[in-house]
C-alpha cells in the first residue's frame, strides 16, 4: 500500500513553542460555520466579530461576508489586520459579539478562555477533532465551560503551513467548537454536511 504523502497530511500540527503555527483556513470552512452551524444566531449584519489570529486574512475575509463589523489582528505582521498579542492585549470584557478563529493549537485553551471574556454572544474555534481529548483540557475547559455545539466536518479541511492550496488533501479531521453565551443546554454534537463545492469561491485562492 502506498503511503499518503500529501503536503497537508505530512505537515502535522505539532509545533515548536516559538512557532507562529500559520496554517491558513480555507475560506469555505468559515462559510460552513456561518451557514450550517450558527446560522440561527443571526442576523449577523448588526453584530461584531473579532478574529484574533487572522494571519493573512483567510478567515476574516469570509467573516466580512456575514458580519457588519469584523476586527482582525495577529501577533505577527502578516499584512492583514492589526498587530496585537491577543492573550496580552488590553481588551474590554464583552467588547464584541463574537470571537471566531483558528487559534495556534498549543494556545487554543488560552484563546478559548480569553475569548469567553471578551465575547458577548459567542465563541467559535476551528480545531483538530482531537482537541476534545485529554484530561487536562477537560479539567481546564470542558468540565466548567463545555461548548454548546461541537460541529464535525464530514469533509476534510486541508491546511498547509503558510499557504492555501486548492488541490491539497489531508487525513486530519477538523471541527468547529461553539460556546453560546446564555444558552442553557447540554453540548450538542452535529455534523457539517458536504458543502465545500457549494461554498468555495474561485477567488479564495488568489487573495
C-alpha atoms as a PDB file:
ATOM      1  CA  UNK A   1       0.000   0.000   0.000  1.00  0.00           C
ATOM      2  CA  UNK A   2       1.399   3.401  -0.966  1.00  0.00           C
ATOM      3  CA  UNK A   3       1.777   5.947   1.829  1.00  0.00           C
ATOM      4  CA  UNK A   4      -0.220   9.177   1.501  1.00  0.00           C
ATOM      5  CA  UNK A   5       2.473  11.847   1.443  1.00  0.00           C
ATOM      6  CA  UNK A   6       0.365  14.897   0.530  1.00  0.00           C
ATOM      7  CA  UNK A   7       1.632  18.173   1.964  1.00  0.00           C
ATOM      8  CA  UNK A   8      -1.324  18.597   4.288  1.00  0.00           C
ATOM      9  CA  UNK A   9      -1.022  15.058   5.620  1.00  0.00           C
ATOM     10  CA  UNK A  10       2.705  15.331   6.209  1.00  0.00           C
ATOM     11  CA  UNK A  11       2.559  18.837   7.720  1.00  0.00           C
ATOM     12  CA  UNK A  12       1.430  17.736  11.152  1.00  0.00           C
ATOM     13  CA  UNK A  13       0.105  20.400  13.532  1.00  0.00           C
ATOM     14  CA  UNK A  14       2.791  19.710  16.147  1.00  0.00           C
ATOM     15  CA  UNK A  15       4.646  22.976  16.530  1.00  0.00           C
ATOM     16  CA  UNK A  16       7.696  24.231  18.389  1.00  0.00           C
ATOM     17  CA  UNK A  17       6.962  26.504  21.343  1.00  0.00           C
ATOM     18  CA  UNK A  18       8.126  29.570  19.392  1.00  0.00           C
ATOM     19  CA  UNK A  19       6.296  28.666  16.172  1.00  0.00           C
ATOM     20  CA  UNK A  20       3.726  31.016  14.645  1.00  0.00           C
ATOM     21  CA  UNK A  21       1.620  27.964  13.704  1.00  0.00           C
ATOM     22  CA  UNK A  22       0.490  29.590  10.460  1.00  0.00           C
ATOM     23  CA  UNK A  23      -1.938  27.153   8.842  1.00  0.00           C
ATOM     24  CA  UNK A  24      -4.436  29.280   6.832  1.00  0.00           C
ATOM     25  CA  UNK A  25      -8.081  28.208   6.957  1.00  0.00           C
ATOM     26  CA  UNK A  26      -9.725  27.561   3.571  1.00  0.00           C
ATOM     27  CA  UNK A  27     -12.470  30.229   3.370  1.00  0.00           C
ATOM     28  CA  UNK A  28     -15.171  27.675   2.615  1.00  0.00           C
ATOM     29  CA  UNK A  29     -14.673  26.192   6.095  1.00  0.00           C
ATOM     30  CA  UNK A  30     -15.566  29.556   7.649  1.00  0.00           C
ATOM     31  CA  UNK A  31     -18.625  29.873   5.436  1.00  0.00           C
ATOM     32  CA  UNK A  32     -19.621  26.392   6.610  1.00  0.00           C
ATOM     33  CA  UNK A  33     -19.644  27.667  10.201  1.00  0.00           C
ATOM     34  CA  UNK A  34     -21.880  30.583   9.314  1.00  0.00           C
ATOM     35  CA  UNK A  35     -24.197  28.580   7.052  1.00  0.00           C
ATOM     36  CA  UNK A  36     -24.506  25.188   8.734  1.00  0.00           C
ATOM     37  CA  UNK A  37     -23.594  25.712  12.389  1.00  0.00           C
ATOM     38  CA  UNK A  38     -24.514  29.147  13.795  1.00  0.00           C
ATOM     39  CA  UNK A  39     -26.843  30.433  11.097  1.00  0.00           C
ATOM     40  CA  UNK A  40     -29.660  30.537  13.638  1.00  0.00           C
ATOM     41  CA  UNK A  41     -27.700  33.038  15.770  1.00  0.00           C
ATOM     42  CA  UNK A  42     -28.139  35.863  13.257  1.00  0.00           C
ATOM     43  CA  UNK A  43     -28.865  38.250  11.778  1.00  0.00           C
ATOM     44  CA  UNK A  44     -25.152  38.996  11.758  1.00  0.00           C
ATOM     45  CA  UNK A  45     -25.220  42.241   9.787  1.00  0.00           C
ATOM     46  CA  UNK A  46     -25.792  44.103  13.054  1.00  0.00           C
ATOM     47  CA  UNK A  47     -23.236  42.095  15.035  1.00  0.00           C
ATOM     48  CA  UNK A  48     -19.484  42.445  15.517  1.00  0.00           C
ATOM     49  CA  UNK A  49     -16.785  39.797  15.359  1.00  0.00           C
ATOM     50  CA  UNK A  50     -13.125  39.568  16.348  1.00  0.00           C
ATOM     51  CA  UNK A  51     -10.693  37.253  14.552  1.00  0.00           C
ATOM     52  CA  UNK A  52      -7.622  37.382  16.849  1.00  0.00           C
ATOM     53  CA  UNK A  53      -5.324  35.032  14.884  1.00  0.00           C
ATOM     54  CA  UNK A  54      -6.083  36.373  11.428  1.00  0.00           C
ATOM     55  CA  UNK A  55      -2.848  35.611   9.598  1.00  0.00           C
ATOM     56  CA  UNK A  56      -3.225  36.876   6.029  1.00  0.00           C
ATOM     57  CA  UNK A  57      -6.993  37.253   6.436  1.00  0.00           C
ATOM     58  CA  UNK A  58      -8.258  33.975   5.001  1.00  0.00           C
ATOM     59  CA  UNK A  59     -10.873  33.660   7.764  1.00  0.00           C
ATOM     60  CA  UNK A  60     -11.570  37.352   8.334  1.00  0.00           C
ATOM     61  CA  UNK A  61     -12.474  37.963   4.696  1.00  0.00           C
ATOM     62  CA  UNK A  62     -15.343  35.436   4.563  1.00  0.00           C
ATOM     63  CA  UNK A  63     -16.495  36.594   8.012  1.00  0.00           C
ATOM     64  CA  UNK A  64     -16.942  40.046   6.461  1.00  0.00           C
ATOM     65  CA  UNK A  65     -19.458  38.499   4.075  1.00  0.00           C
ATOM     66  CA  UNK A  66     -21.755  37.985   7.086  1.00  0.00           C
ATOM     67  CA  UNK A  67     -20.855  40.339   9.952  1.00  0.00           C
ATOM     68  CA  UNK A  68     -21.405  44.075   9.892  1.00  0.00           C
ATOM     69  CA  UNK A  69     -18.176  44.679  11.813  1.00  0.00           C
ATOM     70  CA  UNK A  70     -15.127  42.389  11.709  1.00  0.00           C
ATOM     71  CA  UNK A  71     -11.973  43.239  13.631  1.00  0.00           C
ATOM     72  CA  UNK A  72      -8.858  41.264  12.745  1.00  0.00           C
ATOM     73  CA  UNK A  73      -5.500  41.009  14.470  1.00  0.00           C
ATOM     74  CA  UNK A  74      -2.496  38.736  14.797  1.00  0.00           C
ATOM     75  CA  UNK A  75       0.691  38.697  16.849  1.00  0.00           C
ATOM     76  CA  UNK A  76       2.747  38.641  13.621  1.00  0.00           C
ATOM     77  CA  UNK A  77       2.586  41.342  10.889  1.00  0.00           C
ATOM     78  CA  UNK A  78       1.176  39.287   8.027  1.00  0.00           C
ATOM     79  CA  UNK A  79      -0.048  42.415   6.256  1.00  0.00           C
ATOM     80  CA  UNK A  80      -3.692  41.995   7.233  1.00  0.00           C
ATOM     81  CA  UNK A  81      -5.388  43.420  10.322  1.00  0.00           C
ATOM     82  CA  UNK A  82      -3.767  44.921  13.378  1.00  0.00           C
ATOM     83  CA  UNK A  83      -0.631  43.579  15.016  1.00  0.00           C
ATOM     84  CA  UNK A  84      -1.581  42.564  18.557  1.00  0.00           C
ATOM     85  CA  UNK A  85      -0.949  39.786  21.050  1.00  0.00           C
ATOM     86  CA  UNK A  86      -4.485  38.629  21.790  1.00  0.00           C
ATOM     87  CA  UNK A  87      -3.580  36.923  25.052  1.00  0.00           C
ATOM     88  CA  UNK A  88      -1.919  40.033  26.476  1.00  0.00           C
ATOM     89  CA  UNK A  89      -3.732  42.892  24.734  1.00  0.00           C
ATOM     90  CA  UNK A  90      -5.912  45.285  26.692  1.00  0.00           C
ATOM     91  CA  UNK A  91      -9.435  44.280  25.655  1.00  0.00           C
ATOM     92  CA  UNK A  92     -12.643  45.106  27.484  1.00  0.00           C
ATOM     93  CA  UNK A  93     -14.953  42.334  28.613  1.00  0.00           C
ATOM     94  CA  UNK A  94     -17.962  41.807  26.328  1.00  0.00           C
ATOM     95  CA  UNK A  95     -16.490  44.228  23.771  1.00  0.00           C
ATOM     96  CA  UNK A  96     -17.542  42.226  20.672  1.00  0.00           C
ATOM     97  CA  UNK A  97     -20.466  39.954  19.897  1.00  0.00           C
ATOM     98  CA  UNK A  98     -18.393  37.018  18.644  1.00  0.00           C
ATOM     99  CA  UNK A  99     -14.811  35.807  18.733  1.00  0.00           C
ATOM    100  CA  UNK A 100     -14.146  33.403  15.852  1.00  0.00           C
ATOM    101  CA  UNK A 101     -10.737  31.999  14.996  1.00  0.00           C
ATOM    102  CA  UNK A 102      -8.447  29.103  14.143  1.00  0.00           C
ATOM    103  CA  UNK A 103      -6.017  29.533  17.058  1.00  0.00           C
ATOM    104  CA  UNK A 104      -2.497  28.148  17.366  1.00  0.00           C
ATOM    105  CA  UNK A 105      -3.130  24.623  18.624  1.00  0.00           C
ATOM    106  CA  UNK A 106      -0.768  24.888  21.596  1.00  0.00           C
ATOM    107  CA  UNK A 107      -2.514  28.108  22.695  1.00  0.00           C
ATOM    108  CA  UNK A 108      -6.073  27.053  21.915  1.00  0.00           C
ATOM    109  CA  UNK A 109      -7.097  26.637  25.564  1.00  0.00           C
ATOM    110  CA  UNK A 110      -5.886  30.133  26.418  1.00  0.00           C
ATOM    111  CA  UNK A 111      -7.625  31.557  23.332  1.00  0.00           C
ATOM    112  CA  UNK A 112     -10.909  29.966  24.407  1.00  0.00           C
ATOM    113  CA  UNK A 113     -10.696  31.329  27.938  1.00  0.00           C
ATOM    114  CA  UNK A 114      -9.768  34.824  26.734  1.00  0.00           C
ATOM    115  CA  UNK A 115     -12.469  34.793  24.069  1.00  0.00           C
ATOM    116  CA  UNK A 116     -15.166  33.826  26.575  1.00  0.00           C
ATOM    117  CA  UNK A 117     -14.377  37.026  28.459  1.00  0.00           C
ATOM    118  CA  UNK A 118     -14.400  39.460  25.557  1.00  0.00           C
ATOM    119  CA  UNK A 119     -17.347  37.998  23.586  1.00  0.00           C
ATOM    120  CA  UNK A 120     -20.955  38.963  24.379  1.00  0.00           C
ATOM    121  CA  UNK A 121     -22.766  36.343  22.318  1.00  0.00           C
ATOM    122  CA  UNK A 122     -20.444  33.522  21.474  1.00  0.00           C
ATOM    123  CA  UNK A 123     -17.083  31.996  20.682  1.00  0.00           C
ATOM    124  CA  UNK A 124     -16.197  29.644  17.838  1.00  0.00           C
ATOM    125  CA  UNK A 125     -12.855  27.976  17.266  1.00  0.00           C
ATOM    126  CA  UNK A 126     -11.758  25.684  14.478  1.00  0.00           C
ATOM    127  CA  UNK A 127      -9.607  22.872  15.825  1.00  0.00           C
ATOM    128  CA  UNK A 128      -8.499  19.361  15.113  1.00  0.00           C
ATOM    129  CA  UNK A 129     -11.118  16.869  16.234  1.00  0.00           C
ATOM    130  CA  UNK A 130      -8.678  15.510  18.822  1.00  0.00           C
ATOM    131  CA  UNK A 131      -8.924  18.835  20.665  1.00  0.00           C
ATOM    132  CA  UNK A 132     -11.815  17.407  22.692  1.00  0.00           C
ATOM    133  CA  UNK A 133      -9.466  14.755  24.093  1.00  0.00           C
ATOM    134  CA  UNK A 134      -7.091  14.963  27.104  1.00  0.00           C
ATOM    135  CA  UNK A 135      -7.732  15.018  30.826  1.00  0.00           C
ATOM    136  CA  UNK A 136      -6.001  18.363  31.192  1.00  0.00           C
ATOM    137  CA  UNK A 137      -8.204  20.090  28.630  1.00  0.00           C
ATOM    138  CA  UNK A 138     -11.283  18.545  30.215  1.00  0.00           C
ATOM    139  CA  UNK A 139     -10.337  19.915  33.618  1.00  0.00           C
ATOM    140  CA  UNK A 140      -9.324  23.352  32.309  1.00  0.00           C
ATOM    141  CA  UNK A 141     -12.232  23.971  29.941  1.00  0.00           C
ATOM    142  CA  UNK A 142     -14.841  21.324  29.295  1.00  0.00           C
ATOM    143  CA  UNK A 143     -15.734  20.427  32.882  1.00  0.00           C
ATOM    144  CA  UNK A 144     -16.673  24.022  33.706  1.00  0.00           C
ATOM    145  CA  UNK A 145     -17.302  25.614  30.288  1.00  0.00           C
ATOM    146  CA  UNK A 146     -18.412  22.919  27.848  1.00  0.00           C
ATOM    147  CA  UNK A 147     -19.158  24.064  24.290  1.00  0.00           C
ATOM    148  CA  UNK A 148     -22.797  24.345  23.337  1.00  0.00           C
ATOM    149  CA  UNK A 149     -22.125  22.769  19.951  1.00  0.00           C
ATOM    150  CA  UNK A 150     -19.461  20.501  18.514  1.00  0.00           C
ATOM    151  CA  UNK A 151     -19.739  20.523  14.730  1.00  0.00           C
ATOM    152  CA  UNK A 152     -17.665  17.880  12.962  1.00  0.00           C
ATOM    153  CA  UNK A 153     -16.756  18.322   9.304  1.00  0.00           C
ATOM    154  CA  UNK A 154     -17.760  15.308   7.227  1.00  0.00           C
ATOM    155  CA  UNK A 155     -15.355  16.515   4.540  1.00  0.00           C
ATOM    156  CA  UNK A 156     -11.656  17.004   5.176  1.00  0.00           C
ATOM    157  CA  UNK A 157     -10.404  20.565   5.598  1.00  0.00           C
ATOM    158  CA  UNK A 158      -6.861  20.576   4.190  1.00  0.00           C
ATOM    159  CA  UNK A 159      -4.467  23.082   5.754  1.00  0.00           C
ATOM    160  CA  UNK A 160      -0.873  23.729   4.762  1.00  0.00           C
ATOM    161  CA  UNK A 161       1.800  25.667   6.565  1.00  0.00           C
ATOM    162  CA  UNK A 162       1.813  29.257   5.346  1.00  0.00           C
ATOM    163  CA  UNK A 163      -0.404  28.920   2.268  1.00  0.00           C
ATOM    164  CA  UNK A 164      -3.656  27.768   0.731  1.00  0.00           C
ATOM    165  CA  UNK A 165      -3.750  25.075  -1.940  1.00  0.00           C
ATOM    166  CA  UNK A 166      -6.997  24.127  -3.612  1.00  0.00           C
ATOM    167  CA  UNK A 167      -5.596  20.725  -4.579  1.00  0.00           C
ATOM    168  CA  UNK A 168      -4.298  19.781  -1.132  1.00  0.00           C
ATOM    169  CA  UNK A 169      -5.595  16.791   0.807  1.00  0.00           C
ATOM    170  CA  UNK A 170      -5.347  15.698   4.417  1.00  0.00           C
ATOM    171  CA  UNK A 171      -6.003  12.808   6.783  1.00  0.00           C
ATOM    172  CA  UNK A 172      -6.719  15.152   9.697  1.00  0.00           C
ATOM    173  CA  UNK A 173     -10.274  15.747  10.885  1.00  0.00           C
ATOM    174  CA  UNK A 174     -11.450  19.213  11.943  1.00  0.00           C
ATOM    175  CA  UNK A 175     -14.458  20.549  13.797  1.00  0.00           C
ATOM    176  CA  UNK A 176     -15.947  23.821  14.980  1.00  0.00           C
ATOM    177  CA  UNK A 177     -16.456  24.202  18.738  1.00  0.00           C
ATOM    178  CA  UNK A 178     -19.003  26.840  19.726  1.00  0.00           C
ATOM    179  CA  UNK A 179     -19.763  28.430  23.071  1.00  0.00           C
ATOM    180  CA  UNK A 180     -23.024  30.431  23.129  1.00  0.00           C
ATOM    181  CA  UNK A 181     -23.490  32.850  25.990  1.00  0.00           C
ATOM    182  CA  UNK A 182     -26.712  32.390  27.919  1.00  0.00           C
ATOM    183  CA  UNK A 183     -27.721  29.179  26.182  1.00  0.00           C
ATOM    184  CA  UNK A 184     -28.633  26.642  28.848  1.00  0.00           C
ATOM    185  CA  UNK A 185     -28.234  23.323  27.097  1.00  0.00           C
ATOM    186  CA  UNK A 186     -26.106  20.228  27.047  1.00  0.00           C
ATOM    187  CA  UNK A 187     -23.358  20.058  24.451  1.00  0.00           C
ATOM    188  CA  UNK A 188     -24.835  19.239  21.059  1.00  0.00           C
ATOM    189  CA  UNK A 189     -22.994  17.033  18.596  1.00  0.00           C
ATOM    190  CA  UNK A 190     -23.706  17.865  14.969  1.00  0.00           C
ATOM    191  CA  UNK A 191     -22.198  17.181  11.567  1.00  0.00           C
ATOM    192  CA  UNK A 192     -21.374  19.704   8.878  1.00  0.00           C
ATOM    193  CA  UNK A 193     -22.692  18.194   5.635  1.00  0.00           C
ATOM    194  CA  UNK A 194     -20.600  18.065   2.464  1.00  0.00           C
ATOM    195  CA  UNK A 195     -20.530  21.707   1.383  1.00  0.00           C
ATOM    196  CA  UNK A 196     -17.099  22.574   0.018  1.00  0.00           C
ATOM    197  CA  UNK A 197     -18.274  22.563  -3.587  1.00  0.00           C
ATOM    198  CA  UNK A 198     -21.123  24.986  -2.892  1.00  0.00           C
ATOM    199  CA  UNK A 199     -19.196  27.311  -0.551  1.00  0.00           C
ATOM    200  CA  UNK A 200     -15.847  27.512  -2.320  1.00  0.00           C
ATOM    201  CA  UNK A 201     -15.152  30.569  -4.496  1.00  0.00           C
ATOM    202  CA  UNK A 202     -12.550  30.820  -7.247  1.00  0.00           C
ATOM    203  CA  UNK A 203     -11.149  33.998  -5.703  1.00  0.00           C
ATOM    204  CA  UNK A 204     -10.465  32.306  -2.371  1.00  0.00           C
ATOM    205  CA  UNK A 205      -7.071  31.099  -3.550  1.00  0.00           C
ATOM    206  CA  UNK A 206      -5.878  34.286  -5.214  1.00  0.00           C
ATOM    207  CA  UNK A 207      -6.486  36.745  -2.368  1.00  0.00           C
END
